[in-house]
């Protein structure tokens, strides 16, 4: 309502002004002090490749230095550690000049992150690394760290960011999107509070972060339209997107305002100076916001599937490799490639730039830069992980020439019952026994491998793995195969003692929970199925809140039994829609309470969205989404929402509170309408198409996500809510790798199983175990996942080190372990 009234007043005021005449200043204009923020928003990639972005950075920064030399009191603000790193490499003399201006207070290095990233899709740990590597680079190159988070153009902001920012040394935050018509806020200046209680002073940039037009109009609109709790405000100016900075028109307009005795007081400033000035007052009238800052451009949660999956794979691979290498460097003297890990993270963080991860850049960026960057990160991670695992595995004796040996590693600091797969050379006629190091028989079955050349077979087996440790597995011949009943499966159903899955002729499935006596999917909605929606929007989906025009579904299902054995059965549903084909393999393990799906989609549609929809059979539903280092409850109104690895719908079931969670390894877009929960799979949008630009119907266009993509999901039906299902830990177990090393015959001195680290209780999850950036100590980062205060313990079993402490709800803690002194000390996200 405030903005509506202001807009009406503005319209009336402008109507009375002759064309070309500037509107008069309001009577209270002199009461306002306006901090003018000279900046140049730079997209390092978007409608151009990164080498052009580098050139834009150099030219813009050089221009800013010249303006500082020419104009007394002129100040400039620029974010992104990657930009300063580029300048350091390409023009060291320019960096020297920038460093001098920083020391003079006329150049403000804000943001503290590697780039201005998307902040919906990166993991919590990746956002920590944005600040870790960004702030350390600021300190190294510029002599100081940032105090202001700065992310004007990102398409929404996770509600957990205030805690992350505070841990990185930043107590303020500047953003622009979502705009007032997209997200109503009590004021543009507000305290932003995350679920743990951390607060930063946030400022939504009025109107735009800059352009080459008159500054007078923008300042006039701020003092006329905005009704803020303070009279000290910021106005941003300067050409942007492709760089530029302050223009001659900007400077001329500023001089005119400064010479007008009726105008507001304006002066060159910086965000850091602005927030420092504000904090001199009590700010008791500044409102508090406890929420995500959403939504803008909801299509970005799903556009360019390959990019989304590669981001998650890279994050997971780097965290996993660091964990094993860090513990290994302390215990079995493995290498920790600190420099390589840092460079790999920098590649991933750069690709999390908002236009890059959002899927809105040129196709060349995804076909070259993104594949190269993610490929580098994955190569570094996989090489380090398996070298560390090999070094330990070869210290575990494997002495029977008639046996084959594997060593499986659990990277979670709690015990895990794992379902594992490994391809071996094994004669078809030979039965086998699979045992752990103590001779206990393990459930297993042989299935078809990727190739059957040289009698390769895939061994599927289950093993209990110790907390952050390993277990040796022995496979040897037996007189006969151990008799065991198969998990019942045919083309109509799949079941064990806990779950029953029924397959319909159209490819939809029904799921029944035997333990709870609960039908999981609503029969009225036809069960869980892949549904196609119309999507005529641009790449960003500007102006869209929901995809609700259903136009079809995958059908003409062909159902076949792929595997049937004592450990698991696997049923494949192949269905089609127009030119596209969907293969869904439903896998159910003996005694399991979860259902796995392995999906391959061959997509050839344009401007259509595919969602996998699960109509959960509950009343009074509540939807919960994982976000960075936390979760959030959102309305069940059908709007498209960002989330991370899991989503849950819980409500009143047939007998008690009941729900379903879906975990996945590649997707970030979701919607819930009532109790109908959908995972957004693919959109088929045109590359870099921004309204109002209309696609020419007679021209060829490049379309996203054409061809084959694969991903996995885990369906977790549960009594109670998602906390009772220990969903955050299930997510880590499903998505984190379990490295398996094949052993040759050799002696060794280590036991057949061991454990190195334990974290307890279950609502505490570890996001990182790494070497400190100075290479001296061990860093362990944990966070509370269920929103309850908790006493926790971290035990390093070698050396007898133990840390105990209390976590506030959703609190993140970073513990620094000194191998020399044995001390375990809580530090901030910069490891200080």
Foldseek 3Di string as FASTA:
>chain_A
DLLVVLVVVVVVQVVPDDPPDDGDFDQCQQQFEAAEEWEAAEDCFFQDHNVLSLVLLVVQLVVQLVCPVVDPQAAYEDEALLNLVSCCVPPVVSLVSLLVCVVVQRYAYAAQFNALFAAFEAFLVLLLLRNQVSQVSCCVRNVGGHQEHERAPHFWHALQVLQSSVLSNHQEYEYAPPHCVWDPDPFQWAWRAELLGHTHTYGHAPPDQEAAAAQVVVSSSCVRRGDAPHSYYYHHYQHYHSHGIHDPNHVVNVVVQCVDPSHYHYGHHHPVVSVVVVVVDPCPVHYYDRGIRDGFLLLLQAAFQVLQLLLLVLLQLLQLLQLLQLLLCVPVNADAPLVLSSQLSSLSSSCRHRSRSSNFHFVVCCVPSSCVSSVSSNVVSVVSNVSSVVSVVQQAADADQQKWKKKWFDSAQAKDWDWDKDKDQDDPVFAKFKAWQVRHTWDWDWADDPDCVNHIIMIITIDIAGGRKMIMMMMHTDPDHDDAAKQDDFQAWTDAQAKIWGADQFGAIWIAGNVVRFTFFDVVVVHWFKWKFAAPAASSNGPDFAGDHTDGGWGNWDKGWRDIGRFKTWIWIWTDDDPKIKIWIWMDTHPDQKIKIKIKIQDDDARMWIKGKGHTAAAPKWKWAAGHLEIDIDDQQRTKDFGYFKMKIWHQTPDGIWIKMKGKSGGTIWHGHRRMTITTHHGFHFHNDDPPDDDDPVDDTDTHDHGMDIMMMMMHIDHDTVVVVLVVVVNCSVHRDTDMDIDDRDHHDDHSMDHFKHKDDSQKGWSHWRAQSVRFWIKTKIWGYDQAKDWMKIAGPPPGAMDIDIHGGSDMWMWIAGPVVRDTDTGRSNRD
